[in-house]
Amino acid sequence: MLEKLIAGLRQDYMETIERSAGRFITALEKADFQVPGFLTQDGIYGEKVAPRLAKGDKVAYFIVDALRYEMGLELVEGLKAESNVTVGP
């Protein structure tokens, strides 16, 4: 009996995830793949790195995928004492 309940819940979960992903993709397509307020990877250098370099600052930046986000936060903790460190999406 418990196995049937779990199987049903898993099926419901998968259907919900599929509907959510489909709606997200549709919305993203309608928005021409633009998400206001979020910096895209191709904008990082121009908006974040180049201005700091122009001021003569030393800059290092890492692009980290979502699966390694926690590791990036650990790196940030280790660098905070010596550097100005920021994390962003």
PDB file of N, CA and C in Angstrom:
ATOM      1  N   MET A   1       0.828  -1.199   0.000  1.00  0.00           N
ATOM      2  CA  MET A   1       0.000   0.000   0.000  1.00  0.00           C
ATOM      3  C   MET A   1       0.872   1.264   0.000  1.00  0.00           C
ATOM      4  N   LEU A   2       1.890   1.283   0.849  1.00  0.00           N
ATOM      5  CA  LEU A   2       2.784   2.432   0.908  1.00  0.00           C
ATOM      6  C   LEU A   2       3.522   2.617  -0.421  1.00  0.00           C
ATOM      7  N   GLU A   3       3.895   1.499  -1.044  1.00  0.00           N
ATOM      8  CA  GLU A   3       4.591   1.572  -2.323  1.00  0.00           C
ATOM      9  C   GLU A   3       3.723   2.230  -3.393  1.00  0.00           C
ATOM     10  N   LYS A   4       2.422   1.912  -3.405  1.00  0.00           N
ATOM     11  CA  LYS A   4       1.513   2.522  -4.377  1.00  0.00           C
ATOM     12  C   LYS A   4       1.391   4.025  -4.141  1.00  0.00           C
ATOM     13  N   LEU A   5       1.332   4.417  -2.880  1.00  0.00           N
ATOM     14  CA  LEU A   5       1.248   5.833  -2.535  1.00  0.00           C
ATOM     15  C   LEU A   5       2.499   6.565  -3.014  1.00  0.00           C
ATOM     16  N   ILE A   6       3.647   5.999  -2.735  1.00  0.00           N
ATOM     17  CA  ILE A   6       4.912   6.613  -3.150  1.00  0.00           C
ATOM     18  C   ILE A   6       4.993   6.692  -4.675  1.00  0.00           C
ATOM     19  N   ALA A   7       4.612   5.633  -5.363  1.00  0.00           N
ATOM     20  CA  ALA A   7       4.627   5.631  -6.836  1.00  0.00           C
ATOM     21  C   ALA A   7       3.700   6.719  -7.385  1.00  0.00           C
ATOM     22  N   GLY A   8       2.530   6.865  -6.788  1.00  0.00           N
ATOM     23  CA  GLY A   8       1.584   7.898  -7.224  1.00  0.00           C
ATOM     24  C   GLY A   8       2.136   9.291  -6.993  1.00  0.00           C
ATOM     25  N   LEU A   9       2.772   9.501  -5.857  1.00  0.00           N
ATOM     26  CA  LEU A   9       3.363  10.801  -5.551  1.00  0.00           C
ATOM     27  C   LEU A   9       4.505  11.130  -6.506  1.00  0.00           C
ATOM     28  N   ARG A  10       5.300  10.134  -6.809  1.00  0.00           N
ATOM     29  CA  ARG A  10       6.396  10.351  -7.762  1.00  0.00           C
ATOM     30  C   ARG A  10       5.853  10.718  -9.136  1.00  0.00           C
ATOM     31  N   GLN A  11       4.795  10.048  -9.545  1.00  0.00           N
ATOM     32  CA  GLN A  11       4.177  10.355 -10.842  1.00  0.00           C
ATOM     33  C   GLN A  11       3.630  11.783 -10.850  1.00  0.00           C
ATOM     34  N   ASP A  12       2.924  12.165  -9.785  1.00  0.00           N
ATOM     35  CA  ASP A  12       2.402  13.532  -9.672  1.00  0.00           C
ATOM     36  C   ASP A  12       3.530  14.557  -9.703  1.00  0.00           C
ATOM     37  N   TYR A  13       4.608  14.255  -9.003  1.00  0.00           N
ATOM     38  CA  TYR A  13       5.762  15.149  -8.956  1.00  0.00           C
ATOM     39  C   TYR A  13       6.345  15.341 -10.359  1.00  0.00           C
ATOM     40  N   MET A  14       6.552  14.247 -11.076  1.00  0.00           N
ATOM     41  CA  MET A  14       7.122  14.327 -12.419  1.00  0.00           C
ATOM     42  C   MET A  14       6.216  15.123 -13.358  1.00  0.00           C
ATOM     43  N   GLU A  15       4.925  14.924 -13.267  1.00  0.00           N
ATOM     44  CA  GLU A  15       3.992  15.676 -14.105  1.00  0.00           C
ATOM     45  C   GLU A  15       4.037  17.167 -13.769  1.00  0.00           C
ATOM     46  N   THR A  16       4.121  17.483 -12.500  1.00  0.00           N
ATOM     47  CA  THR A  16       4.198  18.885 -12.074  1.00  0.00           C
ATOM     48  C   THR A  16       5.486  19.528 -12.580  1.00  0.00           C
ATOM     49  N   ILE A  17       6.596  18.825 -12.461  1.00  0.00           N
ATOM     50  CA  ILE A  17       7.874  19.349 -12.936  1.00  0.00           C
ATOM     51  C   ILE A  17       7.840  19.565 -14.446  1.00  0.00           C
ATOM     52  N   GLU A  18       7.268  18.633 -15.184  1.00  0.00           N
ATOM     53  CA  GLU A  18       7.175  18.770 -16.637  1.00  0.00           C
ATOM     54  C   GLU A  18       6.322  19.980 -17.028  1.00  0.00           C
ATOM     55  N   ARG A  19       5.194  20.171 -16.343  1.00  0.00           N
ATOM     56  CA  ARG A  19       4.345  21.337 -16.633  1.00  0.00           C
ATOM     57  C   ARG A  19       5.071  22.634 -16.296  1.00  0.00           C
ATOM     58  N   SER A  20       5.736  22.649 -15.155  1.00  0.00           N
ATOM     59  CA  SER A  20       6.467  23.854 -14.735  1.00  0.00           C
ATOM     60  C   SER A  20       7.580  24.186 -15.719  1.00  0.00           C
ATOM     61  N   ALA A  21       8.343  23.195 -16.122  1.00  0.00           N
ATOM     62  CA  ALA A  21       9.431  23.419 -17.084  1.00  0.00           C
ATOM     63  C   ALA A  21       8.873  23.912 -18.417  1.00  0.00           C
ATOM     64  N   GLY A  22       7.784  23.338 -18.863  1.00  0.00           N
ATOM     65  CA  GLY A  22       7.173  23.771 -20.113  1.00  0.00           C
ATOM     66  C   GLY A  22       6.711  25.217 -20.049  1.00  0.00           C
ATOM     67  N   ARG A  23       6.093  25.589 -18.965  1.00  0.00           N
ATOM     68  CA  ARG A  23       5.640  26.984 -18.807  1.00  0.00           C
ATOM     69  C   ARG A  23       6.813  27.945 -18.721  1.00  0.00           C
ATOM     70  N   PHE A  24       7.872  27.519 -18.030  1.00  0.00           N
ATOM     71  CA  PHE A  24       9.062  28.363 -17.925  1.00  0.00           C
ATOM     72  C   PHE A  24       9.678  28.585 -19.306  1.00  0.00           C
ATOM     73  N   ILE A  25       9.809  27.527 -20.076  1.00  0.00           N
ATOM     74  CA  ILE A  25      10.386  27.634 -21.417  1.00  0.00           C
ATOM     75  C   ILE A  25       9.528  28.532 -22.292  1.00  0.00           C
ATOM     76  N   THR A  26       8.224  28.375 -22.228  1.00  0.00           N
ATOM     77  CA  THR A  26       7.319  29.216 -23.015  1.00  0.00           C
ATOM     78  C   THR A  26       7.481  30.688 -22.634  1.00  0.00           C
ATOM     79  N   ALA A  27       7.529  30.971 -21.349  1.00  0.00           N
ATOM     80  CA  ALA A  27       7.685  32.357 -20.886  1.00  0.00           C
ATOM     81  C   ALA A  27       9.033  32.925 -21.319  1.00  0.00           C
ATOM     82  N   LEU A  28      10.072  32.128 -21.228  1.00  0.00           N
ATOM     83  CA  LEU A  28      11.400  32.584 -21.625  1.00  0.00           C
ATOM     84  C   LEU A  28      11.450  32.870 -23.124  1.00  0.00           C
ATOM     85  N   GLU A  29      10.819  32.023 -23.923  1.00  0.00           N
ATOM     86  CA  GLU A  29      10.758  32.259 -25.368  1.00  0.00           C
ATOM     87  C   GLU A  29      10.001  33.544 -25.671  1.00  0.00           C
ATOM     88  N   LYS A  30       8.863  33.759 -24.986  1.00  0.00           N
ATOM     89  CA  LYS A  30       8.069  34.977 -25.227  1.00  0.00           C
ATOM     90  C   LYS A  30       8.851  36.234 -24.854  1.00  0.00           C
ATOM     91  N   ALA A  31       9.745  36.105 -23.864  1.00  0.00           N
ATOM     92  CA  ALA A  31      10.554  37.246 -23.426  1.00  0.00           C
ATOM     93  C   ALA A  31      11.841  37.369 -24.244  1.00  0.00           C
ATOM     94  N   ASP A  32      11.925  36.631 -25.352  1.00  0.00           N
ATOM     95  CA  ASP A  32      13.100  36.642 -26.214  1.00  0.00           C
ATOM     96  C   ASP A  32      14.365  36.288 -25.434  1.00  0.00           C
ATOM     97  N   PHE A  33      14.209  35.387 -24.486  1.00  0.00           N
ATOM     98  CA  PHE A  33      15.299  34.876 -23.665  1.00  0.00           C
ATOM     99  C   PHE A  33      16.011  35.964 -22.860  1.00  0.00           C
ATOM    100  N   GLN A  34      15.283  37.031 -22.546  1.00  0.00           N
ATOM    101  CA  GLN A  34      15.817  38.112 -21.725  1.00  0.00           C
ATOM    102  C   GLN A  34      15.155  38.061 -20.350  1.00  0.00           C
ATOM    103  N   VAL A  35      15.963  38.144 -19.297  1.00  0.00           N
ATOM    104  CA  VAL A  35      15.441  38.156 -17.933  1.00  0.00           C
ATOM    105  C   VAL A  35      15.910  39.456 -17.292  1.00  0.00           C
ATOM    106  N   PRO A  36      15.030  40.464 -17.226  1.00  0.00           N
ATOM    107  CA  PRO A  36      15.418  41.762 -16.688  1.00  0.00           C
ATOM    108  C   PRO A  36      15.979  41.639 -15.268  1.00  0.00           C
ATOM    109  N   GLY A  37      17.045  42.369 -15.037  1.00  0.00           N
ATOM    110  CA  GLY A  37      17.641  42.391 -13.704  1.00  0.00           C
ATOM    111  C   GLY A  37      18.721  41.348 -13.471  1.00  0.00           C
ATOM    112  N   PHE A  38      18.932  40.456 -14.448  1.00  0.00           N
ATOM    113  CA  PHE A  38      19.967  39.440 -14.306  1.00  0.00           C
ATOM    114  C   PHE A  38      21.059  39.666 -15.336  1.00  0.00           C
ATOM    115  N   LEU A  39      22.278  39.659 -14.883  1.00  0.00           N
ATOM    116  CA  LEU A  39      23.430  39.849 -15.743  1.00  0.00           C
ATOM    117  C   LEU A  39      23.722  38.551 -16.493  1.00  0.00           C
ATOM    118  N   THR A  40      23.850  38.644 -17.801  1.00  0.00           N
ATOM    119  CA  THR A  40      24.163  37.458 -18.592  1.00  0.00           C
ATOM    120  C   THR A  40      25.670  37.232 -18.621  1.00  0.00           C
ATOM    121  N   GLN A  41      26.072  36.020 -18.939  1.00  0.00           N
ATOM    122  CA  GLN A  41      27.505  35.710 -18.965  1.00  0.00           C
ATOM    123  C   GLN A  41      28.261  36.609 -19.928  1.00  0.00           C
ATOM    124  N   ASP A  42      27.655  36.956 -21.056  1.00  0.00           N
ATOM    125  CA  ASP A  42      28.367  37.797 -22.014  1.00  0.00           C
ATOM    126  C   ASP A  42      28.432  39.262 -21.588  1.00  0.00           C
ATOM    127  N   GLY A  43      27.756  39.613 -20.506  1.00  0.00           N
ATOM    128  CA  GLY A  43      27.816  40.981 -19.995  1.00  0.00           C
ATOM    129  C   GLY A  43      28.710  41.150 -18.789  1.00  0.00           C
ATOM    130  N   ILE A  44      29.204  40.071 -18.248  1.00  0.00           N
ATOM    131  CA  ILE A  44      30.002  40.134 -17.018  1.00  0.00           C
ATOM    132  C   ILE A  44      31.252  40.984 -17.198  1.00  0.00           C
ATOM    133  N   TYR A  45      31.994  40.716 -18.251  1.00  0.00           N
ATOM    134  CA  TYR A  45      33.249  41.443 -18.436  1.00  0.00           C
ATOM    135  C   TYR A  45      33.000  42.943 -18.555  1.00  0.00           C
ATOM    136  N   GLY A  46      32.097  43.321 -19.451  1.00  0.00           N
ATOM    137  CA  GLY A  46      31.846  44.737 -19.692  1.00  0.00           C
ATOM    138  C   GLY A  46      31.282  45.480 -18.501  1.00  0.00           C
ATOM    139  N   GLU A  47      30.430  44.832 -17.736  1.00  0.00           N
ATOM    140  CA  GLU A  47      29.763  45.511 -16.623  1.00  0.00           C
ATOM    141  C   GLU A  47      30.496  45.405 -15.295  1.00  0.00           C
ATOM    142  N   LYS A  48      31.212  44.318 -15.098  1.00  0.00           N
ATOM    143  CA  LYS A  48      31.835  44.098 -13.788  1.00  0.00           C
ATOM    144  C   LYS A  48      33.361  44.164 -13.801  1.00  0.00           C
ATOM    145  N   VAL A  49      33.968  43.562 -14.807  1.00  0.00           N
ATOM    146  CA  VAL A  49      35.429  43.439 -14.817  1.00  0.00           C
ATOM    147  C   VAL A  49      36.107  44.667 -15.418  1.00  0.00           C
ATOM    148  N   ALA A  50      35.721  45.047 -16.626  1.00  0.00           N
ATOM    149  CA  ALA A  50      36.384  46.150 -17.334  1.00  0.00           C
ATOM    150  C   ALA A  50      36.427  47.456 -16.527  1.00  0.00           C
ATOM    151  N   PRO A  51      35.325  47.869 -15.880  1.00  0.00           N
ATOM    152  CA  PRO A  51      35.402  49.109 -15.106  1.00  0.00           C
ATOM    153  C   PRO A  51      36.425  49.045 -13.971  1.00  0.00           C
ATOM    154  N   ARG A  52      36.552  47.901 -13.331  1.00  0.00           N
ATOM    155  CA  ARG A  52      37.538  47.750 -12.245  1.00  0.00           C
ATOM    156  C   ARG A  52      38.957  47.791 -12.805  1.00  0.00           C
ATOM    157  N   LEU A  53      39.173  47.142 -13.946  1.00  0.00           N
ATOM    158  CA  LEU A  53      40.491  47.169 -14.570  1.00  0.00           C
ATOM    159  C   LEU A  53      40.860  48.590 -15.002  1.00  0.00           C
ATOM    160  N   ALA A  54      39.872  49.329 -15.503  1.00  0.00           N
ATOM    161  CA  ALA A  54      40.118  50.708 -15.931  1.00  0.00           C
ATOM    162  C   ALA A  54      40.567  51.581 -14.765  1.00  0.00           C
ATOM    163  N   LYS A  55      40.116  51.229 -13.545  1.00  0.00           N
ATOM    164  CA  LYS A  55      40.534  51.975 -12.348  1.00  0.00           C
ATOM    165  C   LYS A  55      41.880  51.492 -11.816  1.00  0.00           C
ATOM    166  N   GLY A  56      42.429  50.446 -12.447  1.00  0.00           N
ATOM    167  CA  GLY A  56      43.719  49.925 -12.010  1.00  0.00           C
ATOM    168  C   GLY A  56      43.621  48.830 -10.965  1.00  0.00           C
ATOM    169  N   ASP A  57      42.411  48.373 -10.682  1.00  0.00           N
ATOM    170  CA  ASP A  57      42.235  47.300  -9.703  1.00  0.00           C
ATOM    171  C   ASP A  57      42.694  45.970 -10.289  1.00  0.00           C
ATOM    172  N   LYS A  58      43.124  45.085  -9.413  1.00  0.00           N
ATOM    173  CA  LYS A  58      43.386  43.709  -9.815  1.00  0.00           C
ATOM    174  C   LYS A  58      42.069  42.959  -9.693  1.00  0.00           C
ATOM    175  N   VAL A  59      41.755  42.160 -10.697  1.00  0.00           N
ATOM    176  CA  VAL A  59      40.470  41.481 -10.726  1.00  0.00           C
ATOM    177  C   VAL A  59      40.661  40.017 -11.120  1.00  0.00           C
ATOM    178  N   ALA A  60      39.944  39.166 -10.424  1.00  0.00           N
ATOM    179  CA  ALA A  60      39.819  37.764 -10.821  1.00  0.00           C
ATOM    180  C   ALA A  60      38.337  37.436 -10.732  1.00  0.00           C
ATOM    181  N   TYR A  61      37.839  36.706 -11.708  1.00  0.00           N
ATOM    182  CA  TYR A  61      36.443  36.298 -11.604  1.00  0.00           C
ATOM    183  C   TYR A  61      36.306  34.849 -12.042  1.00  0.00           C
ATOM    184  N   PHE A  62      35.326  34.199 -11.414  1.00  0.00           N
ATOM    185  CA  PHE A  62      35.062  32.793 -11.663  1.00  0.00           C
ATOM    186  C   PHE A  62      33.619  32.665 -12.123  1.00  0.00           C
ATOM    187  N   ILE A  63      33.384  31.901 -13.158  1.00  0.00           N
ATOM    188  CA  ILE A  63      32.029  31.554 -13.558  1.00  0.00           C
ATOM    189  C   ILE A  63      31.813  30.125 -13.081  1.00  0.00           C
ATOM    190  N   VAL A  64      30.854  29.956 -12.201  1.00  0.00           N
ATOM    191  CA  VAL A  64      30.639  28.670 -11.556  1.00  0.00           C
ATOM    192  C   VAL A  64      29.220  28.204 -11.845  1.00  0.00           C
ATOM    193  N   ASP A  65      29.064  26.963 -12.273  1.00  0.00           N
ATOM    194  CA  ASP A  65      27.725  26.470 -12.555  1.00  0.00           C
ATOM    195  C   ASP A  65      26.960  26.200 -11.257  1.00  0.00           C
ATOM    196  N   ALA A  66      25.671  26.059 -11.374  1.00  0.00           N
ATOM    197  CA  ALA A  66      24.807  25.912 -10.200  1.00  0.00           C
ATOM    198  C   ALA A  66      25.160  24.694  -9.352  1.00  0.00           C
ATOM    199  N   LEU A  67      25.682  23.666  -9.972  1.00  0.00           N
ATOM    200  CA  LEU A  67      26.000  22.462  -9.213  1.00  0.00           C
ATOM    201  C   LEU A  67      27.208  22.666  -8.302  1.00  0.00           C
ATOM    202  N   ARG A  68      27.958  23.723  -8.528  1.00  0.00           N
ATOM    203  CA  ARG A  68      29.143  23.991  -7.711  1.00  0.00           C
ATOM    204  C   ARG A  68      28.994  25.261  -6.873  1.00  0.00           C
ATOM    205  N   TYR A  69      27.791  25.746  -6.754  1.00  0.00           N
ATOM    206  CA  TYR A  69      27.544  27.000  -6.050  1.00  0.00           C
ATOM    207  C   TYR A  69      28.060  26.952  -4.612  1.00  0.00           C
ATOM    208  N   GLU A  70      27.786  25.859  -3.920  1.00  0.00           N
ATOM    209  CA  GLU A  70      28.215  25.748  -2.529  1.00  0.00           C
ATOM    210  C   GLU A  70      29.733  25.783  -2.413  1.00  0.00           C
ATOM    211  N   MET A  71      30.408  25.171  -3.371  1.00  0.00           N
ATOM    212  CA  MET A  71      31.870  25.215  -3.363  1.00  0.00           C
ATOM    213  C   MET A  71      32.360  26.643  -3.581  1.00  0.00           C
ATOM    214  N   GLY A  72      31.670  27.378  -4.438  1.00  0.00           N
ATOM    215  CA  GLY A  72      32.011  28.782  -4.655  1.00  0.00           C
ATOM    216  C   GLY A  72      31.848  29.600  -3.395  1.00  0.00           C
ATOM    217  N   LEU A  73      30.793  29.320  -2.635  1.00  0.00           N
ATOM    218  CA  LEU A  73      30.594  30.035  -1.376  1.00  0.00           C
ATOM    219  C   LEU A  73      31.716  29.736  -0.380  1.00  0.00           C
ATOM    220  N   GLU A  74      32.188  28.509  -0.377  1.00  0.00           N
ATOM    221  CA  GLU A  74      33.314  28.163   0.485  1.00  0.00           C
ATOM    222  C   GLU A  74      34.560  28.941   0.068  1.00  0.00           C
ATOM    223  N   LEU A  75      34.784  29.075  -1.225  1.00  0.00           N
ATOM    224  CA  LEU A  75      35.914  29.855  -1.722  1.00  0.00           C
ATOM    225  C   LEU A  75      35.790  31.309  -1.291  1.00  0.00           C
ATOM    226  N   VAL A  76      34.591  31.855  -1.395  1.00  0.00           N
ATOM    227  CA  VAL A  76      34.345  33.237  -0.977  1.00  0.00           C
ATOM    228  C   VAL A  76      34.699  33.426   0.500  1.00  0.00           C
ATOM    229  N   GLU A  77      34.277  32.506   1.325  1.00  0.00           N
ATOM    230  CA  GLU A  77      34.580  32.598   2.758  1.00  0.00           C
ATOM    231  C   GLU A  77      36.082  32.638   2.992  1.00  0.00           C
ATOM    232  N   GLY A  78      36.825  31.862   2.231  1.00  0.00           N
ATOM    233  CA  GLY A  78      38.271  31.833   2.384  1.00  0.00           C
ATOM    234  C   GLY A  78      38.963  33.093   1.893  1.00  0.00           C
ATOM    235  N   LEU A  79      38.335  33.802   0.960  1.00  0.00           N
ATOM    236  CA  LEU A  79      38.950  35.001   0.382  1.00  0.00           C
ATOM    237  C   LEU A  79      38.510  36.302   1.037  1.00  0.00           C
ATOM    238  N   LYS A  80      37.426  36.283   1.795  1.00  0.00           N
ATOM    239  CA  LYS A  80      36.854  37.516   2.349  1.00  0.00           C
ATOM    240  C   LYS A  80      37.845  38.330   3.169  1.00  0.00           C
ATOM    241  N   ALA A  81      38.670  37.673   3.949  1.00  0.00           N
ATOM    242  CA  ALA A  81      39.582  38.389   4.840  1.00  0.00           C
ATOM    243  C   ALA A  81      40.620  39.191   4.058  1.00  0.00           C
ATOM    244  N   GLU A  82      40.965  38.748   2.858  1.00  0.00           N
ATOM    245  CA  GLU A  82      42.041  39.377   2.102  1.00  0.00           C
ATOM    246  C   GLU A  82      41.563  40.209   0.913  1.00  0.00           C
ATOM    247  N   SER A  83      40.301  40.045   0.504  1.00  0.00           N
ATOM    248  CA  SER A  83      39.837  40.660  -0.729  1.00  0.00           C
ATOM    249  C   SER A  83      38.402  41.138  -0.623  1.00  0.00           C
ATOM    250  N   ASN A  84      38.015  42.001  -1.558  1.00  0.00           N
ATOM    251  CA  ASN A  84      36.627  42.409  -1.710  1.00  0.00           C
ATOM    252  C   ASN A  84      35.980  41.372  -2.616  1.00  0.00           C
ATOM    253  N   VAL A  85      35.107  40.541  -2.069  1.00  0.00           N
ATOM    254  CA  VAL A  85      34.529  39.426  -2.805  1.00  0.00           C
ATOM    255  C   VAL A  85      33.026  39.588  -2.889  1.00  0.00           C
ATOM    256  N   THR A  86      32.460  39.334  -4.078  1.00  0.00           N
ATOM    257  CA  THR A  86      31.013  39.352  -4.246  1.00  0.00           C
ATOM    258  C   THR A  86      30.567  38.081  -4.948  1.00  0.00           C
ATOM    259  N   VAL A  87      29.326  37.695  -4.699  1.00  0.00           N
ATOM    260  CA  VAL A  87      28.721  36.537  -5.357  1.00  0.00           C
ATOM    261  C   VAL A  87      27.428  37.022  -5.978  1.00  0.00           C
ATOM    262  N   GLY A  88      27.153  36.602  -7.210  1.00  0.00           N
ATOM    263  CA  GLY A  88      25.914  37.003  -7.856  1.00  0.00           C
ATOM    264  C   GLY A  88      25.461  35.965  -8.847  1.00  0.00           C
ATOM    265  N   PRO A  89      24.181  36.019  -9.204  1.00  0.00           N
ATOM    266  CA  PRO A  89      23.658  35.061 -10.189  1.00  0.00           C
ATOM    267  C   PRO A  89      24.177  35.368 -11.573  1.00  0.00           C
TER     268      PRO A  89
END
